[in-house]
């Protein structure tokens, strides 16, 4: 059987998503064959104003006994008031309740690496010049050794 490579990079997102979902599903199925019984849990924590508008939140997922914090954002006018700290601590609480080993995330040098370091995270990797002139940091916090 001959395979043909297709580049669909220029397709609209709505056409790409089913293909991406199929790739993800196939990879998850392969991974599960090596680690059956894995706990896959999403987490979404949000702050809203009185009018219901979004002003902060955290999104992530538990997989392979670790919580991956995919994004954390707090509206600029609410920064420095412990909202971000509360989001991280609640996510860590959720991770501990689900017997996670720890949590990991990434952030840029222009975002909040010091914020995470103060919360006990440690840098385990970095990419310089991503984007150019900045550094992308990968951080983790271990709750318990496996």
Protein backbone atom coordinates (compact mmCIF):
# COMPACT_ATOMS: atom_id res chain seq x y z
CA UNK A 1 0.00 0.00 0.00
CA UNK A 2 1.30 3.44 -0.93
CA UNK A 3 0.67 6.40 1.38
CA UNK A 4 0.14 9.92 0.09
CA UNK A 5 1.12 12.95 2.16
CA UNK A 6 -1.38 15.83 2.16
CA UNK A 7 -0.71 19.30 3.52
CA UNK A 8 -3.98 20.69 4.87
CA UNK A 9 -2.39 23.59 6.75
CA UNK A 10 -4.33 26.19 4.77
CA UNK A 11 -7.77 24.69 5.41
CA UNK A 12 -10.19 26.62 7.61
CA UNK A 13 -10.16 25.57 11.29
CA UNK A 14 -13.62 24.00 11.03
CA UNK A 15 -12.28 21.63 8.34
CA UNK A 16 -9.10 20.87 10.28
CA UNK A 17 -10.76 20.07 13.59
CA UNK A 18 -12.25 16.67 12.64
CA UNK A 19 -8.85 15.55 11.33
CA UNK A 20 -7.08 16.79 14.47
CA UNK A 21 -9.70 15.06 16.63
CA UNK A 22 -9.14 11.77 14.77
CA UNK A 23 -5.36 12.03 15.20
CA UNK A 24 -5.79 12.79 18.91
CA UNK A 25 -8.22 9.90 19.37
CA UNK A 26 -5.86 7.44 17.67
CA UNK A 27 -2.91 8.60 19.77
CA UNK A 28 -4.96 8.38 22.99
CA UNK A 29 -6.04 4.84 22.11
CA UNK A 30 -2.43 3.85 21.48
CA UNK A 31 -1.31 5.43 24.75
CA UNK A 32 -4.10 3.72 26.69
CA UNK A 33 -2.91 0.36 25.39
CA UNK A 34 0.33 1.00 27.33
CA UNK A 35 -1.22 2.52 30.45
CA UNK A 36 -4.76 1.19 30.84
CA UNK A 37 -6.98 2.75 33.45
CA UNK A 38 -5.47 6.21 33.12
CA UNK A 39 -7.55 8.94 34.71
CA UNK A 40 -8.40 11.66 32.16
CA UNK A 41 -10.13 14.61 33.83
CA UNK A 42 -10.59 18.20 32.66
CA UNK A 43 -10.48 21.17 35.02
CA UNK A 44 -11.95 24.59 34.31
CA UNK A 45 -12.04 27.28 36.99
CA UNK A 46 -13.31 30.77 36.16
CA UNK A 47 -13.88 34.14 37.80
CA UNK A 48 -16.77 36.28 36.61
CA UNK A 49 -17.82 39.82 37.41
CA UNK A 50 -21.28 40.73 38.71
CA UNK A 51 -22.44 41.19 35.10
CA UNK A 52 -21.32 37.64 34.26
CA UNK A 53 -18.36 38.67 32.12
CA UNK A 54 -15.21 36.59 32.31
CA UNK A 55 -12.28 38.14 34.18
CA UNK A 56 -10.04 35.16 34.83
CA UNK A 57 -9.67 31.43 34.72
CA UNK A 58 -7.63 28.29 34.54
CA UNK A 59 -7.96 25.39 32.12
CA UNK A 60 -6.14 22.10 32.26
CA UNK A 61 -6.43 18.34 32.43
CA UNK A 62 -5.28 15.40 34.45
CA UNK A 63 -3.60 12.61 32.50
CA UNK A 64 -0.89 10.11 33.41
CA UNK A 65 -1.24 11.10 37.10
CA UNK A 66 -0.18 14.69 36.46
CA UNK A 67 -2.18 17.89 36.11
CA UNK A 68 -1.22 19.93 33.05
CA UNK A 69 -2.25 23.57 33.47
CA UNK A 70 -2.84 24.55 29.86
CA UNK A 71 -3.68 28.18 30.51
CA UNK A 72 -4.18 30.66 33.31
CA UNK A 73 -5.33 34.20 32.71
CA UNK A 74 -6.51 37.03 34.95
CA UNK A 75 -7.73 40.36 33.59
CA UNK A 76 -5.05 42.99 34.07
CA UNK A 77 -7.05 45.13 36.52
CA UNK A 78 -7.39 42.12 38.87
CA UNK A 79 -3.75 41.02 38.81
CA UNK A 80 -1.72 41.23 42.02
CA UNK A 81 -4.83 40.55 44.14
CA UNK A 82 -4.32 36.80 44.65
CA UNK A 83 -6.86 35.68 42.03
CA UNK A 84 -4.20 33.87 40.01
CA UNK A 85 -2.74 32.34 43.17
CA UNK A 86 -6.18 31.11 44.20
CA UNK A 87 -6.73 29.56 40.76
CA UNK A 88 -3.43 27.66 40.95
CA UNK A 89 -4.02 26.53 44.54
CA UNK A 90 -7.53 25.28 43.68
CA UNK A 91 -6.14 23.41 40.67
CA UNK A 92 -3.45 21.86 42.87
CA UNK A 93 -6.12 20.86 45.40
CA UNK A 94 -8.09 19.19 42.59
CA UNK A 95 -4.92 17.41 41.46
CA UNK A 96 -4.14 16.16 44.96
CA UNK A 97 -7.73 14.95 45.43
CA UNK A 98 -7.22 12.92 42.26
CA UNK A 99 -3.93 11.47 43.52
CA UNK A 100 -1.70 13.29 41.05
CA UNK A 101 2.07 13.18 41.40
CA UNK A 102 2.26 16.88 40.58
CA UNK A 103 1.43 19.60 38.10
CA UNK A 104 3.25 21.18 35.17
CA UNK A 105 2.80 24.17 32.88
CA UNK A 106 4.65 26.55 30.63
CA UNK A 107 4.93 30.32 30.66
CA UNK A 108 6.88 33.01 28.82
CA UNK A 109 9.43 35.39 30.32
CA UNK A 110 7.03 38.29 29.63
CA UNK A 111 4.24 36.51 31.52
CA UNK A 112 4.69 35.16 35.03
CA UNK A 113 7.65 32.84 35.69
CA UNK A 114 8.34 34.50 39.07
CA UNK A 115 4.69 34.02 40.07
CA UNK A 116 5.04 30.26 39.66
CA UNK A 117 8.47 30.11 41.30
CA UNK A 118 7.02 31.80 44.41
CA UNK A 119 4.36 29.07 44.51
CA UNK A 120 7.00 26.34 44.65
CA UNK A 121 7.32 25.48 40.97
CA UNK A 122 10.73 24.68 39.52
CA UNK A 123 11.99 25.19 35.98
CA UNK A 124 12.75 21.90 34.26
CA UNK A 125 13.30 23.24 30.77
CA UNK A 126 13.33 26.31 28.62
CA UNK A 127 13.43 27.42 25.00
CA UNK A 128 15.31 30.65 24.36
CA UNK A 129 14.04 33.01 21.67
CA UNK A 130 10.50 31.66 21.65
CA UNK A 131 9.24 34.15 20.66
CA UNK A 132 12.38 36.00 19.58
CA UNK A 133 13.78 38.07 22.43
CA UNK A 134 11.95 36.07 25.11
CA UNK A 135 12.19 32.69 26.82
CA UNK A 136 9.57 29.99 27.22
CA UNK A 137 9.83 28.19 30.55
CA UNK A 138 8.52 24.76 31.49
CA UNK A 139 7.79 24.39 35.20
CA UNK A 140 6.62 21.62 37.49
CA UNK A 141 5.62 21.12 41.09
CA UNK A 142 5.89 17.63 42.57
CA UNK A 143 3.44 16.75 45.35
CA UNK A 144 4.60 13.20 45.94
CA UNK A 145 7.15 10.88 44.47
CA UNK A 146 5.62 8.01 42.45
